[in-house]
């Protein structure tokens, strides 16, 4: 039995270690997870209530077209519902757009050296050619990405804010980039952390100007619905039509759709989440300063901090009940923002293990 050659050397995506797994491994009762960029406030009460109400319909298939959720997103962003594609998390959308536009091994996908790990995974899974551009102070070098575009380029992935570095490109820089990209190349602007930004959301307006732009977003971060796996994209109606042709018909379940609609309407919870994140970023950054550690200033809900022997420090933190994330940057650990008490306890533990 043979398998596609591109799959043989593919390593599966590794999420943050689950709390229950560490408890089993080390016999720990209390574990604090700061590894997966989850919302430390959990689920908002309105979303939780919507989930409970929707549970009674779990015996029926969900609306495969997600009509009500698309309408809610449409009203929230002032876009056409036909421009919205729903995904089983925004990861689902990233895979869908790659499957739609990357058709053979000669097709190229461009992404930055330090970027979301799913970009190289979907590229390799399709047997396409990955074009990895150098970073610019841990972020995207848009000039290098632009210079890498060839006649074979099909996709460009840009995460803003970026994961795992938290770096942020200005709107003007991205707009200038889009203005120079050939219209035949799809630009995926991954905005999983956009709610944490103080922005007027100009990027949505660009969809009227750039038919090759696709914006992905998620309910997993600021909205606190990571466990439900629901995300979406906004694009031209043409791109959305192509994605809907290949997505699974029931890729977003009924409970997730109901919770997402409620979360969009719960502005109070979103404000609390953003405020908690702003304070948490400051708390972690000040703690790293006190410990004499350098870190990458972040615009997301995590901070990547530099330590000597990151693998050793990671393991020592696990033994003390703290899960952080090893990333593909030498000597760096990524730390998600937790509650005020969790951040404080983590900083105390980090001081002990350094």
C-alpha atoms as a PDB file:
ATOM      1  CA  UNK A   1       0.000   0.000   0.000  1.00  0.00           C
ATOM      2  CA  UNK A   2       1.545   3.301  -1.062  1.00  0.00           C
ATOM      3  CA  UNK A   3       0.953   6.821   0.190  1.00  0.00           C
ATOM      4  CA  UNK A   4       1.678  10.190  -1.394  1.00  0.00           C
ATOM      5  CA  UNK A   5       5.402  10.882  -1.187  1.00  0.00           C
ATOM      6  CA  UNK A   6       4.804  14.331   0.289  1.00  0.00           C
ATOM      7  CA  UNK A   7       3.135  12.705   3.305  1.00  0.00           C
ATOM      8  CA  UNK A   8       6.043  10.438   4.218  1.00  0.00           C
ATOM      9  CA  UNK A   9       8.219  13.218   5.668  1.00  0.00           C
ATOM     10  CA  UNK A  10       5.318  15.220   7.076  1.00  0.00           C
ATOM     11  CA  UNK A  11       5.211  15.610  10.857  1.00  0.00           C
ATOM     12  CA  UNK A  12       1.710  16.140  12.247  1.00  0.00           C
ATOM     13  CA  UNK A  13       0.795  19.384  13.956  1.00  0.00           C
ATOM     14  CA  UNK A  14       1.614  19.258  17.660  1.00  0.00           C
ATOM     15  CA  UNK A  15      -0.737  21.256  19.828  1.00  0.00           C
ATOM     16  CA  UNK A  16       0.102  22.390  23.326  1.00  0.00           C
ATOM     17  CA  UNK A  17       0.353  19.514  25.791  1.00  0.00           C
ATOM     18  CA  UNK A  18      -3.059  18.882  27.398  1.00  0.00           C
ATOM     19  CA  UNK A  19      -3.370  19.472  31.141  1.00  0.00           C
ATOM     20  CA  UNK A  20      -4.679  15.938  31.704  1.00  0.00           C
ATOM     21  CA  UNK A  21      -1.669  14.432  29.916  1.00  0.00           C
ATOM     22  CA  UNK A  22       0.819  16.227  32.155  1.00  0.00           C
ATOM     23  CA  UNK A  23      -1.172  15.240  35.226  1.00  0.00           C
ATOM     24  CA  UNK A  24      -0.972  11.587  34.167  1.00  0.00           C
ATOM     25  CA  UNK A  25       2.719  11.760  33.314  1.00  0.00           C
ATOM     26  CA  UNK A  26       3.951  13.483  36.468  1.00  0.00           C
ATOM     27  CA  UNK A  27       1.162  12.843  38.948  1.00  0.00           C
ATOM     28  CA  UNK A  28       0.479  16.546  39.366  1.00  0.00           C
ATOM     29  CA  UNK A  29      -2.801  17.769  40.786  1.00  0.00           C
ATOM     30  CA  UNK A  30      -2.554  21.390  39.710  1.00  0.00           C
ATOM     31  CA  UNK A  31      -1.351  22.389  36.246  1.00  0.00           C
ATOM     32  CA  UNK A  32      -1.364  25.823  34.620  1.00  0.00           C
ATOM     33  CA  UNK A  33      -1.430  25.773  30.831  1.00  0.00           C
ATOM     34  CA  UNK A  34       0.085  28.775  29.059  1.00  0.00           C
ATOM     35  CA  UNK A  35       0.833  27.047  25.768  1.00  0.00           C
ATOM     36  CA  UNK A  36      -2.027  27.361  23.294  1.00  0.00           C
ATOM     37  CA  UNK A  37      -2.970  31.058  23.255  1.00  0.00           C
ATOM     38  CA  UNK A  38      -6.348  30.339  24.805  1.00  0.00           C
ATOM     39  CA  UNK A  39      -8.520  32.931  26.520  1.00  0.00           C
ATOM     40  CA  UNK A  40      -7.772  32.739  30.273  1.00  0.00           C
ATOM     41  CA  UNK A  41     -11.283  34.026  31.024  1.00  0.00           C
ATOM     42  CA  UNK A  42     -12.787  30.950  29.392  1.00  0.00           C
ATOM     43  CA  UNK A  43     -16.200  31.133  27.741  1.00  0.00           C
ATOM     44  CA  UNK A  44     -18.490  34.159  28.020  1.00  0.00           C
ATOM     45  CA  UNK A  45     -21.774  33.614  29.836  1.00  0.00           C
ATOM     46  CA  UNK A  46     -23.898  34.453  26.778  1.00  0.00           C
ATOM     47  CA  UNK A  47     -22.026  31.965  24.631  1.00  0.00           C
ATOM     48  CA  UNK A  48     -22.259  29.361  27.372  1.00  0.00           C
ATOM     49  CA  UNK A  49     -26.021  29.821  27.608  1.00  0.00           C
ATOM     50  CA  UNK A  50     -26.342  29.534  23.832  1.00  0.00           C
ATOM     51  CA  UNK A  51     -24.357  26.287  23.934  1.00  0.00           C
ATOM     52  CA  UNK A  52     -26.669  24.827  26.563  1.00  0.00           C
ATOM     53  CA  UNK A  53     -29.749  25.745  24.537  1.00  0.00           C
ATOM     54  CA  UNK A  54     -28.268  24.333  21.338  1.00  0.00           C
ATOM     55  CA  UNK A  55     -27.337  21.042  23.003  1.00  0.00           C
ATOM     56  CA  UNK A  56     -30.947  19.882  22.836  1.00  0.00           C
ATOM     57  CA  UNK A  57     -30.635  19.842  19.031  1.00  0.00           C
ATOM     58  CA  UNK A  58     -27.433  17.766  19.019  1.00  0.00           C
ATOM     59  CA  UNK A  59     -29.335  14.855  17.491  1.00  0.00           C
ATOM     60  CA  UNK A  60     -29.854  16.807  14.276  1.00  0.00           C
ATOM     61  CA  UNK A  61     -27.372  17.888  11.630  1.00  0.00           C
ATOM     62  CA  UNK A  62     -26.407  21.559  11.767  1.00  0.00           C
ATOM     63  CA  UNK A  63     -27.219  24.074   9.057  1.00  0.00           C
ATOM     64  CA  UNK A  64     -24.559  23.153   6.527  1.00  0.00           C
ATOM     65  CA  UNK A  65     -24.576  26.674   5.095  1.00  0.00           C
ATOM     66  CA  UNK A  66     -24.394  28.361   8.506  1.00  0.00           C
ATOM     67  CA  UNK A  67     -26.994  30.940   7.458  1.00  0.00           C
ATOM     68  CA  UNK A  68     -27.519  32.602  10.854  1.00  0.00           C
ATOM     69  CA  UNK A  69     -23.819  32.747  11.735  1.00  0.00           C
ATOM     70  CA  UNK A  70     -22.945  34.152   8.321  1.00  0.00           C
ATOM     71  CA  UNK A  71     -25.627  36.796   8.790  1.00  0.00           C
ATOM     72  CA  UNK A  72     -24.228  37.689  12.210  1.00  0.00           C
ATOM     73  CA  UNK A  73     -20.698  38.025  10.798  1.00  0.00           C
ATOM     74  CA  UNK A  74     -22.080  39.990   7.840  1.00  0.00           C
ATOM     75  CA  UNK A  75     -23.739  42.504  10.153  1.00  0.00           C
ATOM     76  CA  UNK A  76     -20.747  42.624  12.508  1.00  0.00           C
ATOM     77  CA  UNK A  77     -18.279  43.505   9.745  1.00  0.00           C
ATOM     78  CA  UNK A  78     -20.640  45.183   7.277  1.00  0.00           C
ATOM     79  CA  UNK A  79     -19.826  42.685   4.535  1.00  0.00           C
ATOM     80  CA  UNK A  80     -21.948  40.561   2.247  1.00  0.00           C
ATOM     81  CA  UNK A  81     -22.915  37.161   3.638  1.00  0.00           C
ATOM     82  CA  UNK A  82     -21.840  35.707   0.279  1.00  0.00           C
ATOM     83  CA  UNK A  83     -18.257  36.744   1.084  1.00  0.00           C
ATOM     84  CA  UNK A  84     -18.148  34.649   4.293  1.00  0.00           C
ATOM     85  CA  UNK A  85     -16.866  31.073   4.476  1.00  0.00           C
ATOM     86  CA  UNK A  86     -17.172  29.131   7.733  1.00  0.00           C
ATOM     87  CA  UNK A  87     -14.465  26.776   8.923  1.00  0.00           C
ATOM     88  CA  UNK A  88     -13.773  24.198  11.591  1.00  0.00           C
ATOM     89  CA  UNK A  89     -11.469  26.777  13.130  1.00  0.00           C
ATOM     90  CA  UNK A  90      -9.583  29.163  10.847  1.00  0.00           C
ATOM     91  CA  UNK A  91      -7.084  26.315  10.270  1.00  0.00           C
ATOM     92  CA  UNK A  92      -9.780  24.690   8.171  1.00  0.00           C
ATOM     93  CA  UNK A  93      -9.940  27.773   5.944  1.00  0.00           C
ATOM     94  CA  UNK A  94      -6.145  27.798   5.514  1.00  0.00           C
ATOM     95  CA  UNK A  95      -6.308  24.239   4.211  1.00  0.00           C
ATOM     96  CA  UNK A  96      -9.320  24.929   2.006  1.00  0.00           C
ATOM     97  CA  UNK A  97      -7.710  27.868   0.208  1.00  0.00           C
ATOM     98  CA  UNK A  98      -4.538  25.854  -0.357  1.00  0.00           C
ATOM     99  CA  UNK A  99      -6.516  22.933  -1.777  1.00  0.00           C
ATOM    100  CA  UNK A 100      -8.469  25.281  -4.029  1.00  0.00           C
ATOM    101  CA  UNK A 101      -5.513  27.078  -5.595  1.00  0.00           C
ATOM    102  CA  UNK A 102      -2.440  24.846  -5.234  1.00  0.00           C
ATOM    103  CA  UNK A 103      -2.788  22.114  -7.827  1.00  0.00           C
ATOM    104  CA  UNK A 104       0.629  20.556  -8.477  1.00  0.00           C
ATOM    105  CA  UNK A 105       4.241  20.318  -7.316  1.00  0.00           C
ATOM    106  CA  UNK A 106       5.371  23.289  -9.415  1.00  0.00           C
ATOM    107  CA  UNK A 107       2.961  25.641  -7.663  1.00  0.00           C
ATOM    108  CA  UNK A 108       4.606  27.795  -4.992  1.00  0.00           C
ATOM    109  CA  UNK A 109       3.386  28.948  -1.588  1.00  0.00           C
ATOM    110  CA  UNK A 110       5.212  31.812   0.116  1.00  0.00           C
ATOM    111  CA  UNK A 111       5.412  32.312   3.876  1.00  0.00           C
ATOM    112  CA  UNK A 112       7.866  33.785   6.344  1.00  0.00           C
ATOM    113  CA  UNK A 113      10.611  31.931   8.201  1.00  0.00           C
ATOM    114  CA  UNK A 114       8.891  32.477  11.548  1.00  0.00           C
ATOM    115  CA  UNK A 115       5.207  32.023  10.889  1.00  0.00           C
ATOM    116  CA  UNK A 116       2.277  29.818  11.775  1.00  0.00           C
ATOM    117  CA  UNK A 117       3.307  26.165  11.508  1.00  0.00           C
ATOM    118  CA  UNK A 118       0.164  25.240   9.553  1.00  0.00           C
ATOM    119  CA  UNK A 119       1.425  27.087   6.444  1.00  0.00           C
ATOM    120  CA  UNK A 120       4.305  24.685   5.739  1.00  0.00           C
ATOM    121  CA  UNK A 121       2.156  21.723   6.784  1.00  0.00           C
ATOM    122  CA  UNK A 122      -0.588  22.349   4.225  1.00  0.00           C
ATOM    123  CA  UNK A 123       1.980  23.174   1.559  1.00  0.00           C
ATOM    124  CA  UNK A 124       3.887  19.943   2.092  1.00  0.00           C
ATOM    125  CA  UNK A 125       0.713  17.875   2.363  1.00  0.00           C
ATOM    126  CA  UNK A 126      -0.268  19.047  -1.116  1.00  0.00           C
ATOM    127  CA  UNK A 127       3.174  18.294  -2.495  1.00  0.00           C
ATOM    128  CA  UNK A 128       3.635  21.939  -3.482  1.00  0.00           C
ATOM    129  CA  UNK A 129       6.803  24.039  -3.371  1.00  0.00           C
ATOM    130  CA  UNK A 130       7.364  26.012  -0.166  1.00  0.00           C
ATOM    131  CA  UNK A 131       9.147  29.341  -0.561  1.00  0.00           C
ATOM    132  CA  UNK A 132      10.334  30.429   2.877  1.00  0.00           C
ATOM    133  CA  UNK A 133      11.398  34.064   3.053  1.00  0.00           C
ATOM    134  CA  UNK A 134      13.771  35.481   5.691  1.00  0.00           C
ATOM    135  CA  UNK A 135      12.331  37.237   8.716  1.00  0.00           C
ATOM    136  CA  UNK A 136      12.628  40.908   9.496  1.00  0.00           C
ATOM    137  CA  UNK A 137      13.298  41.103  13.255  1.00  0.00           C
ATOM    138  CA  UNK A 138      11.190  37.965  13.759  1.00  0.00           C
ATOM    139  CA  UNK A 139       8.367  39.322  11.616  1.00  0.00           C
ATOM    140  CA  UNK A 140       7.468  39.282   7.932  1.00  0.00           C
ATOM    141  CA  UNK A 141       9.806  40.872   5.402  1.00  0.00           C
ATOM    142  CA  UNK A 142       7.245  42.007   2.857  1.00  0.00           C
ATOM    143  CA  UNK A 143       9.886  43.162   0.376  1.00  0.00           C
ATOM    144  CA  UNK A 144      11.489  39.711   0.442  1.00  0.00           C
ATOM    145  CA  UNK A 145       8.098  38.074  -0.007  1.00  0.00           C
ATOM    146  CA  UNK A 146       7.282  40.338  -2.940  1.00  0.00           C
ATOM    147  CA  UNK A 147      10.651  39.588  -4.562  1.00  0.00           C
ATOM    148  CA  UNK A 148       9.965  35.841  -4.223  1.00  0.00           C
ATOM    149  CA  UNK A 149       6.797  35.898  -6.313  1.00  0.00           C
ATOM    150  CA  UNK A 150       7.124  34.081  -9.648  1.00  0.00           C
ATOM    151  CA  UNK A 151       4.755  32.912 -12.352  1.00  0.00           C
ATOM    152  CA  UNK A 152       4.324  29.719 -10.310  1.00  0.00           C
ATOM    153  CA  UNK A 153       3.280  31.481  -7.096  1.00  0.00           C
ATOM    154  CA  UNK A 154      -0.289  30.682  -6.083  1.00  0.00           C
ATOM    155  CA  UNK A 155      -0.518  31.684  -2.412  1.00  0.00           C
ATOM    156  CA  UNK A 156       1.108  34.047   0.055  1.00  0.00           C
ATOM    157  CA  UNK A 157       0.400  33.551   3.766  1.00  0.00           C
ATOM    158  CA  UNK A 158       0.748  36.542   6.099  1.00  0.00           C
ATOM    159  CA  UNK A 159      -0.168  36.301   9.797  1.00  0.00           C
ATOM    160  CA  UNK A 160      -0.820  39.669  11.425  1.00  0.00           C
ATOM    161  CA  UNK A 161      -0.285  39.703  14.377  1.00  0.00           C
ATOM    162  CA  UNK A 162       2.170  36.919  13.704  1.00  0.00           C
ATOM    163  CA  UNK A 163       2.303  33.588  15.516  1.00  0.00           C
ATOM    164  CA  UNK A 164       4.641  32.605  17.223  1.00  0.00           C
ATOM    165  CA  UNK A 165       6.399  35.985  17.406  1.00  0.00           C
ATOM    166  CA  UNK A 166       3.551  38.422  18.063  1.00  0.00           C
ATOM    167  CA  UNK A 167       5.037  40.948  15.629  1.00  0.00           C
ATOM    168  CA  UNK A 168       2.742  43.383  13.850  1.00  0.00           C
ATOM    169  CA  UNK A 169       2.837  44.876  10.374  1.00  0.00           C
ATOM    170  CA  UNK A 170       1.302  48.299   9.829  1.00  0.00           C
ATOM    171  CA  UNK A 171      -1.823  48.622   7.713  1.00  0.00           C
ATOM    172  CA  UNK A 172       0.060  50.902   5.331  1.00  0.00           C
ATOM    173  CA  UNK A 173       2.795  48.294   4.811  1.00  0.00           C
ATOM    174  CA  UNK A 174       0.300  45.533   4.052  1.00  0.00           C
ATOM    175  CA  UNK A 175      -1.702  47.782   1.729  1.00  0.00           C
ATOM    176  CA  UNK A 176       1.427  48.726  -0.195  1.00  0.00           C
ATOM    177  CA  UNK A 177       2.276  45.036  -0.471  1.00  0.00           C
ATOM    178  CA  UNK A 178      -1.175  44.123  -1.766  1.00  0.00           C
ATOM    179  CA  UNK A 179      -0.942  46.894  -4.353  1.00  0.00           C
ATOM    180  CA  UNK A 180       2.143  45.239  -5.847  1.00  0.00           C
ATOM    181  CA  UNK A 181       1.090  41.591  -5.743  1.00  0.00           C
ATOM    182  CA  UNK A 182      -0.162  40.215  -9.083  1.00  0.00           C
ATOM    183  CA  UNK A 183      -3.903  39.684  -9.088  1.00  0.00           C
ATOM    184  CA  UNK A 184      -3.347  36.010  -9.959  1.00  0.00           C
ATOM    185  CA  UNK A 185      -1.758  35.382  -6.530  1.00  0.00           C
ATOM    186  CA  UNK A 186      -4.050  34.838  -3.538  1.00  0.00           C
ATOM    187  CA  UNK A 187      -2.921  36.680  -0.398  1.00  0.00           C
ATOM    188  CA  UNK A 188      -4.170  35.087   2.823  1.00  0.00           C
ATOM    189  CA  UNK A 189      -4.168  37.604   5.673  1.00  0.00           C
ATOM    190  CA  UNK A 190      -4.430  35.508   8.825  1.00  0.00           C
ATOM    191  CA  UNK A 191      -5.931  37.683  11.573  1.00  0.00           C
ATOM    192  CA  UNK A 192      -6.533  35.200  14.368  1.00  0.00           C
ATOM    193  CA  UNK A 193      -5.538  37.821  16.950  1.00  0.00           C
ATOM    194  CA  UNK A 194      -7.057  40.917  15.362  1.00  0.00           C
ATOM    195  CA  UNK A 195      -9.503  41.557  18.218  1.00  0.00           C
ATOM    196  CA  UNK A 196      -6.572  42.413  20.488  1.00  0.00           C
ATOM    197  CA  UNK A 197      -5.585  45.343  18.278  1.00  0.00           C
ATOM    198  CA  UNK A 198      -6.686  48.941  18.667  1.00  0.00           C
ATOM    199  CA  UNK A 199      -7.698  49.288  15.047  1.00  0.00           C
ATOM    200  CA  UNK A 200     -10.423  50.701  12.844  1.00  0.00           C
ATOM    201  CA  UNK A 201     -10.298  47.450  10.861  1.00  0.00           C
ATOM    202  CA  UNK A 202      -9.290  48.980   7.542  1.00  0.00           C
ATOM    203  CA  UNK A 203      -8.429  45.548   6.194  1.00  0.00           C
ATOM    204  CA  UNK A 204     -12.087  44.676   5.583  1.00  0.00           C
ATOM    205  CA  UNK A 205     -12.402  47.692   3.283  1.00  0.00           C
ATOM    206  CA  UNK A 206      -9.542  46.355   1.142  1.00  0.00           C
ATOM    207  CA  UNK A 207     -11.727  43.488  -0.013  1.00  0.00           C
ATOM    208  CA  UNK A 208     -13.523  45.966  -2.278  1.00  0.00           C
ATOM    209  CA  UNK A 209     -10.213  46.774  -3.958  1.00  0.00           C
ATOM    210  CA  UNK A 210      -8.330  43.472  -4.002  1.00  0.00           C
ATOM    211  CA  UNK A 211     -10.158  40.461  -5.416  1.00  0.00           C
ATOM    212  CA  UNK A 212      -7.179  38.258  -4.521  1.00  0.00           C
ATOM    213  CA  UNK A 213      -7.346  38.992  -0.777  1.00  0.00           C
ATOM    214  CA  UNK A 214      -8.742  36.495   1.720  1.00  0.00           C
ATOM    215  CA  UNK A 215      -8.905  37.358   5.439  1.00  0.00           C
ATOM    216  CA  UNK A 216      -9.172  34.606   8.053  1.00  0.00           C
ATOM    217  CA  UNK A 217     -10.397  35.050  11.617  1.00  0.00           C
ATOM    218  CA  UNK A 218     -11.357  32.827  14.523  1.00  0.00           C
ATOM    219  CA  UNK A 219     -13.537  32.571  17.612  1.00  0.00           C
ATOM    220  CA  UNK A 220     -10.812  30.587  19.408  1.00  0.00           C
ATOM    221  CA  UNK A 221      -8.858  33.483  20.911  1.00  0.00           C
ATOM    222  CA  UNK A 222     -10.513  36.660  22.184  1.00  0.00           C
ATOM    223  CA  UNK A 223     -13.984  35.103  22.012  1.00  0.00           C
ATOM    224  CA  UNK A 224     -12.924  32.121  24.124  1.00  0.00           C
ATOM    225  CA  UNK A 225     -14.350  29.301  21.974  1.00  0.00           C
ATOM    226  CA  UNK A 226     -11.165  27.343  21.214  1.00  0.00           C
ATOM    227  CA  UNK A 227     -12.742  23.993  22.097  1.00  0.00           C
ATOM    228  CA  UNK A 228     -15.630  24.456  19.649  1.00  0.00           C
ATOM    229  CA  UNK A 229     -13.422  24.966  16.558  1.00  0.00           C
ATOM    230  CA  UNK A 230     -15.152  27.726  14.636  1.00  0.00           C
ATOM    231  CA  UNK A 231     -13.505  30.272  12.358  1.00  0.00           C
ATOM    232  CA  UNK A 232     -14.288  32.051   9.124  1.00  0.00           C
ATOM    233  CA  UNK A 233     -12.903  33.946   6.176  1.00  0.00           C
ATOM    234  CA  UNK A 234     -14.002  37.034   4.299  1.00  0.00           C
ATOM    235  CA  UNK A 235     -13.148  37.297   0.627  1.00  0.00           C
ATOM    236  CA  UNK A 236     -14.634  37.988  -2.767  1.00  0.00           C
ATOM    237  CA  UNK A 237     -17.815  36.041  -3.427  1.00  0.00           C
ATOM    238  CA  UNK A 238     -15.894  34.182  -6.151  1.00  0.00           C
ATOM    239  CA  UNK A 239     -13.239  32.859  -3.760  1.00  0.00           C
ATOM    240  CA  UNK A 240     -15.901  32.022  -1.170  1.00  0.00           C
ATOM    241  CA  UNK A 241     -17.785  30.027  -3.797  1.00  0.00           C
ATOM    242  CA  UNK A 242     -14.684  27.956  -4.591  1.00  0.00           C
ATOM    243  CA  UNK A 243     -14.006  27.253  -0.925  1.00  0.00           C
ATOM    244  CA  UNK A 244     -17.596  26.222  -0.311  1.00  0.00           C
ATOM    245  CA  UNK A 245     -17.369  23.717  -3.153  1.00  0.00           C
ATOM    246  CA  UNK A 246     -14.648  21.730  -1.374  1.00  0.00           C
ATOM    247  CA  UNK A 247     -15.352  22.210   2.336  1.00  0.00           C
ATOM    248  CA  UNK A 248     -17.064  19.474   4.310  1.00  0.00           C
ATOM    249  CA  UNK A 249     -20.844  20.119   4.297  1.00  0.00           C
ATOM    250  CA  UNK A 250     -21.200  20.137   8.101  1.00  0.00           C
ATOM    251  CA  UNK A 251     -17.752  21.447   9.059  1.00  0.00           C
ATOM    252  CA  UNK A 252     -19.089  23.729  11.829  1.00  0.00           C
ATOM    253  CA  UNK A 253     -21.403  22.033  14.287  1.00  0.00           C
ATOM    254  CA  UNK A 254     -24.649  23.457  15.601  1.00  0.00           C
ATOM    255  CA  UNK A 255     -23.405  24.180  19.136  1.00  0.00           C
ATOM    256  CA  UNK A 256     -20.385  26.034  17.752  1.00  0.00           C
ATOM    257  CA  UNK A 257     -22.541  28.119  15.416  1.00  0.00           C
ATOM    258  CA  UNK A 258     -24.914  29.084  18.224  1.00  0.00           C
ATOM    259  CA  UNK A 259     -22.074  29.972  20.585  1.00  0.00           C
ATOM    260  CA  UNK A 260     -20.313  32.067  17.941  1.00  0.00           C
ATOM    261  CA  UNK A 261     -23.452  34.091  17.247  1.00  0.00           C
ATOM    262  CA  UNK A 262     -23.839  34.779  20.970  1.00  0.00           C
ATOM    263  CA  UNK A 263     -20.138  35.626  21.336  1.00  0.00           C
ATOM    264  CA  UNK A 264     -20.300  38.211  18.569  1.00  0.00           C
ATOM    265  CA  UNK A 265     -23.140  39.932  20.397  1.00  0.00           C
ATOM    266  CA  UNK A 266     -21.392  39.828  23.793  1.00  0.00           C
ATOM    267  CA  UNK A 267     -19.374  43.036  23.513  1.00  0.00           C
ATOM    268  CA  UNK A 268     -18.886  43.238  27.284  1.00  0.00           C
ATOM    269  CA  UNK A 269     -17.045  39.906  27.388  1.00  0.00           C
ATOM    270  CA  UNK A 270     -14.854  40.900  24.450  1.00  0.00           C
ATOM    271  CA  UNK A 271     -13.863  44.136  26.203  1.00  0.00           C
ATOM    272  CA  UNK A 272     -13.025  42.180  29.364  1.00  0.00           C
ATOM    273  CA  UNK A 273     -10.940  39.730  27.357  1.00  0.00           C
ATOM    274  CA  UNK A 274      -8.976  42.456  25.566  1.00  0.00           C
ATOM    275  CA  UNK A 275      -8.400  44.370  28.811  1.00  0.00           C
ATOM    276  CA  UNK A 276      -7.219  41.234  30.616  1.00  0.00           C
ATOM    277  CA  UNK A 277      -4.857  40.491  27.740  1.00  0.00           C
ATOM    278  CA  UNK A 278      -3.404  44.012  27.706  1.00  0.00           C
ATOM    279  CA  UNK A 279      -2.765  43.817  31.435  1.00  0.00           C
ATOM    280  CA  UNK A 280      -1.370  40.293  31.151  1.00  0.00           C
ATOM    281  CA  UNK A 281       1.077  41.243  28.402  1.00  0.00           C
ATOM    282  CA  UNK A 282       2.328  44.077  30.556  1.00  0.00           C
ATOM    283  CA  UNK A 283       2.625  41.803  33.591  1.00  0.00           C
ATOM    284  CA  UNK A 284       4.650  39.183  31.716  1.00  0.00           C
ATOM    285  CA  UNK A 285       6.848  41.761  30.000  1.00  0.00           C
ATOM    286  CA  UNK A 286       7.663  43.497  33.277  1.00  0.00           C
ATOM    287  CA  UNK A 287       8.384  40.122  34.844  1.00  0.00           C
ATOM    288  CA  UNK A 288      10.813  39.231  32.072  1.00  0.00           C
ATOM    289  CA  UNK A 289      12.476  42.618  32.500  1.00  0.00           C
ATOM    290  CA  UNK A 290      12.994  41.925  36.197  1.00  0.00           C
ATOM    291  CA  UNK A 291      14.544  38.560  35.341  1.00  0.00           C
ATOM    292  CA  UNK A 292      16.835  40.154  32.788  1.00  0.00           C
ATOM    293  CA  UNK A 293      15.294  38.192  29.901  1.00  0.00           C
ATOM    294  CA  UNK A 294      14.826  39.537  26.395  1.00  0.00           C
ATOM    295  CA  UNK A 295      11.537  38.910  24.595  1.00  0.00           C
ATOM    296  CA  UNK A 296       9.751  39.814  21.390  1.00  0.00           C
ATOM    297  CA  UNK A 297       7.226  42.637  22.003  1.00  0.00           C
ATOM    298  CA  UNK A 298       3.847  41.162  21.171  1.00  0.00           C
ATOM    299  CA  UNK A 299       0.546  42.423  19.768  1.00  0.00           C
ATOM    300  CA  UNK A 300      -1.206  39.091  20.322  1.00  0.00           C
ATOM    301  CA  UNK A 301      -2.082  37.131  23.490  1.00  0.00           C
ATOM    302  CA  UNK A 302       1.330  35.565  24.077  1.00  0.00           C
ATOM    303  CA  UNK A 303       4.976  36.537  24.405  1.00  0.00           C
ATOM    304  CA  UNK A 304       8.024  34.686  23.091  1.00  0.00           C
ATOM    305  CA  UNK A 305      10.846  34.959  25.618  1.00  0.00           C
ATOM    306  CA  UNK A 306      14.521  34.092  25.153  1.00  0.00           C
ATOM    307  CA  UNK A 307      16.129  31.621  27.565  1.00  0.00           C
ATOM    308  CA  UNK A 308      19.283  29.551  27.537  1.00  0.00           C
ATOM    309  CA  UNK A 309      18.607  25.864  26.825  1.00  0.00           C
ATOM    310  CA  UNK A 310      14.925  26.357  26.033  1.00  0.00           C
ATOM    311  CA  UNK A 311      14.284  22.608  25.975  1.00  0.00           C
ATOM    312  CA  UNK A 312      15.701  22.174  29.460  1.00  0.00           C
ATOM    313  CA  UNK A 313      13.748  25.130  30.858  1.00  0.00           C
ATOM    314  CA  UNK A 314      10.586  23.851  29.181  1.00  0.00           C
ATOM    315  CA  UNK A 315      10.977  20.469  30.885  1.00  0.00           C
ATOM    316  CA  UNK A 316      11.721  22.003  34.285  1.00  0.00           C
ATOM    317  CA  UNK A 317       8.603  24.139  34.002  1.00  0.00           C
ATOM    318  CA  UNK A 318       6.563  21.038  33.163  1.00  0.00           C
ATOM    319  CA  UNK A 319       7.844  19.394  36.335  1.00  0.00           C
ATOM    320  CA  UNK A 320       6.536  22.375  38.294  1.00  0.00           C
ATOM    321  CA  UNK A 321       3.138  22.151  36.580  1.00  0.00           C
ATOM    322  CA  UNK A 322       3.493  24.894  33.960  1.00  0.00           C
ATOM    323  CA  UNK A 323       2.911  24.159  30.282  1.00  0.00           C
ATOM    324  CA  UNK A 324       4.420  26.643  27.839  1.00  0.00           C
ATOM    325  CA  UNK A 325       5.346  26.140  24.178  1.00  0.00           C
ATOM    326  CA  UNK A 326       8.605  25.264  22.482  1.00  0.00           C
ATOM    327  CA  UNK A 327       8.683  27.101  19.160  1.00  0.00           C
ATOM    328  CA  UNK A 328      10.787  26.948  16.002  1.00  0.00           C
ATOM    329  CA  UNK A 329      13.000  29.802  17.169  1.00  0.00           C
ATOM    330  CA  UNK A 330      16.254  28.831  18.823  1.00  0.00           C
ATOM    331  CA  UNK A 331      16.337  29.548  22.581  1.00  0.00           C
ATOM    332  CA  UNK A 332      12.769  30.870  22.716  1.00  0.00           C
ATOM    333  CA  UNK A 333       9.670  29.757  24.604  1.00  0.00           C
ATOM    334  CA  UNK A 334       6.211  31.078  23.792  1.00  0.00           C
ATOM    335  CA  UNK A 335       4.108  31.935  26.829  1.00  0.00           C
ATOM    336  CA  UNK A 336       0.368  32.555  26.540  1.00  0.00           C
ATOM    337  CA  UNK A 337      -1.202  35.241  28.691  1.00  0.00           C
ATOM    338  CA  UNK A 338      -3.003  33.714  31.654  1.00  0.00           C
ATOM    339  CA  UNK A 339      -4.986  35.223  34.492  1.00  0.00           C
ATOM    340  CA  UNK A 340      -3.209  37.662  36.785  1.00  0.00           C
ATOM    341  CA  UNK A 341      -2.553  34.927  39.356  1.00  0.00           C
ATOM    342  CA  UNK A 342      -1.421  32.415  36.729  1.00  0.00           C
ATOM    343  CA  UNK A 343       1.022  34.909  35.242  1.00  0.00           C
ATOM    344  CA  UNK A 344       2.408  35.681  38.694  1.00  0.00           C
ATOM    345  CA  UNK A 345       2.834  32.023  39.593  1.00  0.00           C
ATOM    346  CA  UNK A 346       4.496  31.320  36.259  1.00  0.00           C
ATOM    347  CA  UNK A 347       7.004  34.139  36.701  1.00  0.00           C
ATOM    348  CA  UNK A 348       7.856  32.827  40.177  1.00  0.00           C
ATOM    349  CA  UNK A 349       8.380  29.331  38.752  1.00  0.00           C
ATOM    350  CA  UNK A 350      10.482  30.654  35.878  1.00  0.00           C
ATOM    351  CA  UNK A 351      12.721  32.479  38.308  1.00  0.00           C
ATOM    352  CA  UNK A 352      13.305  29.232  40.203  1.00  0.00           C
ATOM    353  CA  UNK A 353      14.164  27.118  37.157  1.00  0.00           C
ATOM    354  CA  UNK A 354      16.443  29.596  35.378  1.00  0.00           C
END
